[in-house]
Amino acid sequence: AAASFSQDLISVIFFLGVGCGLGS
């Protein structure tokens, strides 16, 4: 959900890469 609101690639890397990676 946080990655869907991200405005730069660094935020996408953090939320979609790191956050979702930890959760999965």
PDB file of all heavy atoms in Angstrom:
ATOM      1  N   ALA A   1       0.830  -1.211   0.000  1.00  0.00           N
ATOM      2  CA  ALA A   1       0.000   0.000   0.000  1.00  0.00           C
ATOM      3  C   ALA A   1       0.863   1.258   0.000  1.00  0.00           C
ATOM      4  O   ALA A   1       0.580   2.228  -0.724  1.00  0.00           O
ATOM      5  CB  ALA A   1      -0.931  -0.003   1.211  1.00  0.00           C
ATOM      6  N   ALA A   2       1.929   1.265   0.803  1.00  0.00           N
ATOM      7  CA  ALA A   2       2.806   2.438   0.858  1.00  0.00           C
ATOM      8  C   ALA A   2       3.512   2.658  -0.466  1.00  0.00           C
ATOM      9  O   ALA A   2       3.715   3.802  -0.900  1.00  0.00           O
ATOM     10  CB  ALA A   2       3.819   2.270   1.985  1.00  0.00           C
ATOM     11  N   ALA A   3       3.892   1.553  -1.151  1.00  0.00           N
ATOM     12  CA  ALA A   3       4.577   1.683  -2.440  1.00  0.00           C
ATOM     13  C   ALA A   3       3.679   2.326  -3.490  1.00  0.00           C
ATOM     14  O   ALA A   3       4.166   3.008  -4.398  1.00  0.00           O
ATOM     15  CB  ALA A   3       5.059   0.320  -2.921  1.00  0.00           C
ATOM     16  N   SER A   4       2.376   2.144  -3.372  1.00  0.00           N
ATOM     17  CA  SER A   4       1.458   2.728  -4.360  1.00  0.00           C
ATOM     18  C   SER A   4       1.424   4.253  -4.285  1.00  0.00           C
ATOM     19  O   SER A   4       1.039   4.905  -5.252  1.00  0.00           O
ATOM     20  CB  SER A   4       0.052   2.163  -4.148  1.00  0.00           C
ATOM     21  OG  SER A   4      -0.501   2.608  -2.909  1.00  0.00           O
ATOM     22  N   PHE A   5       1.830   4.823  -3.145  1.00  0.00           N
ATOM     23  CA  PHE A   5       1.849   6.285  -2.987  1.00  0.00           C
ATOM     24  C   PHE A   5       3.248   6.870  -3.175  1.00  0.00           C
ATOM     25  O   PHE A   5       3.423   8.093  -3.057  1.00  0.00           O
ATOM     26  CB  PHE A   5       1.323   6.677  -1.603  1.00  0.00           C
ATOM     27  CG  PHE A   5      -0.123   6.331  -1.385  1.00  0.00           C
ATOM     28  CD1 PHE A   5      -0.484   5.202  -0.659  1.00  0.00           C
ATOM     29  CD2 PHE A   5      -1.134   7.126  -1.912  1.00  0.00           C
ATOM     30  CE1 PHE A   5      -1.818   4.878  -0.450  1.00  0.00           C
ATOM     31  CE2 PHE A   5      -2.469   6.807  -1.712  1.00  0.00           C
ATOM     32  CZ  PHE A   5      -2.815   5.678  -0.984  1.00  0.00           C
ATOM     33  N   SER A   6       4.232   6.027  -3.434  1.00  0.00           N
ATOM     34  CA  SER A   6       5.615   6.507  -3.549  1.00  0.00           C
ATOM     35  C   SER A   6       5.787   7.356  -4.802  1.00  0.00           C
ATOM     36  O   SER A   6       5.232   7.055  -5.859  1.00  0.00           O
ATOM     37  CB  SER A   6       6.579   5.321  -3.589  1.00  0.00           C
ATOM     38  OG  SER A   6       6.471   4.542  -2.410  1.00  0.00           O
ATOM     39  N   GLN A   7       6.610   8.415  -4.677  1.00  0.00           N
ATOM     40  CA  GLN A   7       6.839   9.336  -5.780  1.00  0.00           C
ATOM     41  C   GLN A   7       8.246   9.238  -6.356  1.00  0.00           C
ATOM     42  O   GLN A   7       8.564   9.950  -7.306  1.00  0.00           O
ATOM     43  CB  GLN A   7       6.583  10.772  -5.311  1.00  0.00           C
ATOM     44  CG  GLN A   7       5.168  11.020  -4.822  1.00  0.00           C
ATOM     45  CD  GLN A   7       4.118  10.761  -5.887  1.00  0.00           C
ATOM     46  OE1 GLN A   7       4.325  11.114  -7.058  1.00  0.00           O
ATOM     47  NE2 GLN A   7       3.001  10.146  -5.517  1.00  0.00           N
ATOM     48  N   ASP A   8       9.083   8.398  -5.803  1.00  0.00           N
ATOM     49  CA  ASP A   8      10.438   8.218  -6.332  1.00  0.00           C
ATOM     50  C   ASP A   8      10.828   6.755  -6.196  1.00  0.00           C
ATOM     51  O   ASP A   8      10.222   6.006  -5.431  1.00  0.00           O
ATOM     52  CB  ASP A   8      11.444   9.115  -5.603  1.00  0.00           C
ATOM     53  CG  ASP A   8      11.445   8.859  -4.101  1.00  0.00           C
ATOM     54  OD1 ASP A   8      12.146   7.934  -3.654  1.00  0.00           O
ATOM     55  OD2 ASP A   8      10.710   9.584  -3.373  1.00  0.00           O
ATOM     56  N   LEU A   9      11.842   6.358  -6.938  1.00  0.00           N
ATOM     57  CA  LEU A   9      12.230   4.953  -7.000  1.00  0.00           C
ATOM     58  C   LEU A   9      12.828   4.467  -5.687  1.00  0.00           C
ATOM     59  O   LEU A   9      12.679   3.294  -5.326  1.00  0.00           O
ATOM     60  CB  LEU A   9      13.227   4.740  -8.144  1.00  0.00           C
ATOM     61  CG  LEU A   9      13.601   3.296  -8.465  1.00  0.00           C
ATOM     62  CD1 LEU A   9      12.357   2.469  -8.782  1.00  0.00           C
ATOM     63  CD2 LEU A   9      14.582   3.251  -9.633  1.00  0.00           C
ATOM     64  N   ILE A  10      13.485   5.357  -4.956  1.00  0.00           N
ATOM     65  CA  ILE A  10      14.068   4.964  -3.666  1.00  0.00           C
ATOM     66  C   ILE A  10      12.974   4.538  -2.692  1.00  0.00           C
ATOM     67  O   ILE A  10      13.114   3.543  -1.963  1.00  0.00           O
ATOM     68  CB  ILE A  10      14.899   6.116  -3.064  1.00  0.00           C
ATOM     69  CG1 ILE A  10      16.042   6.501  -4.018  1.00  0.00           C
ATOM     70  CG2 ILE A  10      15.465   5.709  -1.706  1.00  0.00           C
ATOM     71  CD1 ILE A  10      16.996   5.363  -4.314  1.00  0.00           C
ATOM     72  N   SER A  11      11.869   5.268  -2.678  1.00  0.00           N
ATOM     73  CA  SER A  11      10.749   4.899  -1.807  1.00  0.00           C
ATOM     74  C   SER A  11      10.145   3.569  -2.232  1.00  0.00           C
ATOM     75  O   SER A  11       9.762   2.746  -1.396  1.00  0.00           O
ATOM     76  CB  SER A  11       9.677   5.994  -1.838  1.00  0.00           C
ATOM     77  OG  SER A  11      10.189   7.219  -1.374  1.00  0.00           O
ATOM     78  N   VAL A  12      10.057   3.344  -3.547  1.00  0.00           N
ATOM     79  CA  VAL A  12       9.540   2.070  -4.035  1.00  0.00           C
ATOM     80  C   VAL A  12      10.447   0.923  -3.597  1.00  0.00           C
ATOM     81  O   VAL A  12       9.976  -0.141  -3.175  1.00  0.00           O
ATOM     82  CB  VAL A  12       9.404   2.099  -5.572  1.00  0.00           C
ATOM     83  CG1 VAL A  12       9.001   0.724  -6.096  1.00  0.00           C
ATOM     84  CG2 VAL A  12       8.376   3.141  -5.994  1.00  0.00           C
ATOM     85  N   ILE A  13      11.755   1.148  -3.686  1.00  0.00           N
ATOM     86  CA  ILE A  13      12.707   0.119  -3.255  1.00  0.00           C
ATOM     87  C   ILE A  13      12.523  -0.190  -1.773  1.00  0.00           C
ATOM     88  O   ILE A  13      12.534  -1.354  -1.358  1.00  0.00           O
ATOM     89  CB  ILE A  13      14.152   0.566  -3.548  1.00  0.00           C
ATOM     90  CG1 ILE A  13      14.399   0.614  -5.054  1.00  0.00           C
ATOM     91  CG2 ILE A  13      15.160  -0.370  -2.882  1.00  0.00           C
ATOM     92  CD1 ILE A  13      15.761   1.156  -5.438  1.00  0.00           C
ATOM     93  N   PHE A  14      12.316   0.840  -0.970  1.00  0.00           N
ATOM     94  CA  PHE A  14      12.193   0.631   0.478  1.00  0.00           C
ATOM     95  C   PHE A  14      10.880  -0.088   0.828  1.00  0.00           C
ATOM     96  O   PHE A  14      10.892  -1.099   1.544  1.00  0.00           O
ATOM     97  CB  PHE A  14      12.273   1.967   1.212  1.00  0.00           C
ATOM     98  CG  PHE A  14      12.097   1.847   2.697  1.00  0.00           C
ATOM     99  CD1 PHE A  14      13.120   1.380   3.509  1.00  0.00           C
ATOM    100  CD2 PHE A  14      10.887   2.176   3.299  1.00  0.00           C
ATOM    101  CE1 PHE A  14      12.964   1.259   4.875  1.00  0.00           C
ATOM    102  CE2 PHE A  14      10.711   2.053   4.667  1.00  0.00           C
ATOM    103  CZ  PHE A  14      11.758   1.601   5.455  1.00  0.00           C
ATOM    104  N   PHE A  15       9.765   0.417   0.331  1.00  0.00           N
ATOM    105  CA  PHE A  15       8.468  -0.151   0.716  1.00  0.00           C
ATOM    106  C   PHE A  15       8.196  -1.486   0.022  1.00  0.00           C
ATOM    107  O   PHE A  15       7.808  -2.464   0.673  1.00  0.00           O
ATOM    108  CB  PHE A  15       7.340   0.840   0.405  1.00  0.00           C
ATOM    109  CG  PHE A  15       7.343   2.058   1.275  1.00  0.00           C
ATOM    110  CD1 PHE A  15       7.523   3.323   0.732  1.00  0.00           C
ATOM    111  CD2 PHE A  15       7.180   1.947   2.649  1.00  0.00           C
ATOM    112  CE1 PHE A  15       7.533   4.450   1.537  1.00  0.00           C
ATOM    113  CE2 PHE A  15       7.184   3.072   3.471  1.00  0.00           C
ATOM    114  CZ  PHE A  15       7.370   4.327   2.904  1.00  0.00           C
ATOM    115  N   LEU A  16       8.386  -1.508  -1.300  1.00  0.00           N
ATOM    116  CA  LEU A  16       8.070  -2.715  -2.048  1.00  0.00           C
ATOM    117  C   LEU A  16       9.160  -3.770  -1.931  1.00  0.00           C
ATOM    118  O   LEU A  16       8.873  -4.969  -1.861  1.00  0.00           O
ATOM    119  CB  LEU A  16       7.832  -2.368  -3.524  1.00  0.00           C
ATOM    120  CG  LEU A  16       7.266  -3.467  -4.424  1.00  0.00           C
ATOM    121  CD1 LEU A  16       5.943  -3.979  -3.873  1.00  0.00           C
ATOM    122  CD2 LEU A  16       7.090  -2.955  -5.845  1.00  0.00           C
ATOM    123  N   GLY A  17      10.414  -3.324  -1.895  1.00  0.00           N
ATOM    124  CA  GLY A  17      11.506  -4.270  -1.795  1.00  0.00           C
ATOM    125  C   GLY A  17      11.756  -4.746  -0.375  1.00  0.00           C
ATOM    126  O   GLY A  17      11.659  -5.937  -0.066  1.00  0.00           O
ATOM    127  N   VAL A  18      12.036  -3.794   0.520  1.00  0.00           N
ATOM    128  CA  VAL A  18      12.404  -4.146   1.898  1.00  0.00           C
ATOM    129  C   VAL A  18      11.176  -4.515   2.720  1.00  0.00           C
ATOM    130  O   VAL A  18      11.126  -5.578   3.351  1.00  0.00           O
ATOM    131  CB  VAL A  18      13.167  -2.986   2.557  1.00  0.00           C
ATOM    132  CG1 VAL A  18      13.527  -3.346   4.001  1.00  0.00           C
ATOM    133  CG2 VAL A  18      14.430  -2.664   1.776  1.00  0.00           C
ATOM    134  N   GLY A  19      10.151  -3.638   2.736  1.00  0.00           N
ATOM    135  CA  GLY A  19       8.972  -3.889   3.568  1.00  0.00           C
ATOM    136  C   GLY A  19       8.223  -5.152   3.180  1.00  0.00           C
ATOM    137  O   GLY A  19       7.944  -6.013   4.025  1.00  0.00           O
ATOM    138  N   CYS A  20       7.909  -5.276   1.895  1.00  0.00           N
ATOM    139  CA  CYS A  20       7.200  -6.479   1.448  1.00  0.00           C
ATOM    140  C   CYS A  20       8.075  -7.715   1.556  1.00  0.00           C
ATOM    141  O   CYS A  20       7.575  -8.821   1.809  1.00  0.00           O
ATOM    142  CB  CYS A  20       6.729  -6.299   0.006  1.00  0.00           C
ATOM    143  SG  CYS A  20       5.422  -5.085  -0.207  1.00  0.00           S
ATOM    144  N   GLY A  21       9.381  -7.553   1.381  1.00  0.00           N
ATOM    145  CA  GLY A  21      10.281  -8.694   1.522  1.00  0.00           C
ATOM    146  C   GLY A  21      10.274  -9.251   2.933  1.00  0.00           C
ATOM    147  O   GLY A  21      10.233 -10.471   3.137  1.00  0.00           O
ATOM    148  N   LEU A  22      10.308  -8.366   3.924  1.00  0.00           N
ATOM    149  CA  LEU A  22      10.260  -8.814   5.323  1.00  0.00           C
ATOM    150  C   LEU A  22       8.930  -9.498   5.625  1.00  0.00           C
ATOM    151  O   LEU A  22       8.881 -10.552   6.275  1.00  0.00           O
ATOM    152  CB  LEU A  22      10.464  -7.626   6.260  1.00  0.00           C
ATOM    153  CG  LEU A  22      11.848  -6.966   6.246  1.00  0.00           C
ATOM    154  CD1 LEU A  22      11.866  -5.747   7.156  1.00  0.00           C
ATOM    155  CD2 LEU A  22      12.925  -7.943   6.661  1.00  0.00           C
ATOM    156  N   GLY A  23       7.842  -8.904   5.155  1.00  0.00           N
ATOM    157  CA  GLY A  23       6.529  -9.487   5.427  1.00  0.00           C
ATOM    158  C   GLY A  23       6.332 -10.841   4.776  1.00  0.00           C
ATOM    159  O   GLY A  23       5.855 -11.786   5.416  1.00  0.00           O
ATOM    160  N   SER A  24       6.716 -10.953   3.515  1.00  0.00           N
ATOM    161  CA  SER A  24       6.551 -12.239   2.837  1.00  0.00           C
ATOM    162  C   SER A  24       7.465 -13.299   3.427  1.00  0.00           C
ATOM    163  O   SER A  24       7.120 -14.487   3.456  1.00  0.00           O
ATOM    164  CB  SER A  24       6.830 -12.081   1.339  1.00  0.00           C
ATOM    165  OG  SER A  24       8.176 -11.688   1.110  1.00  0.00           O
TER     166      SER A  24
END
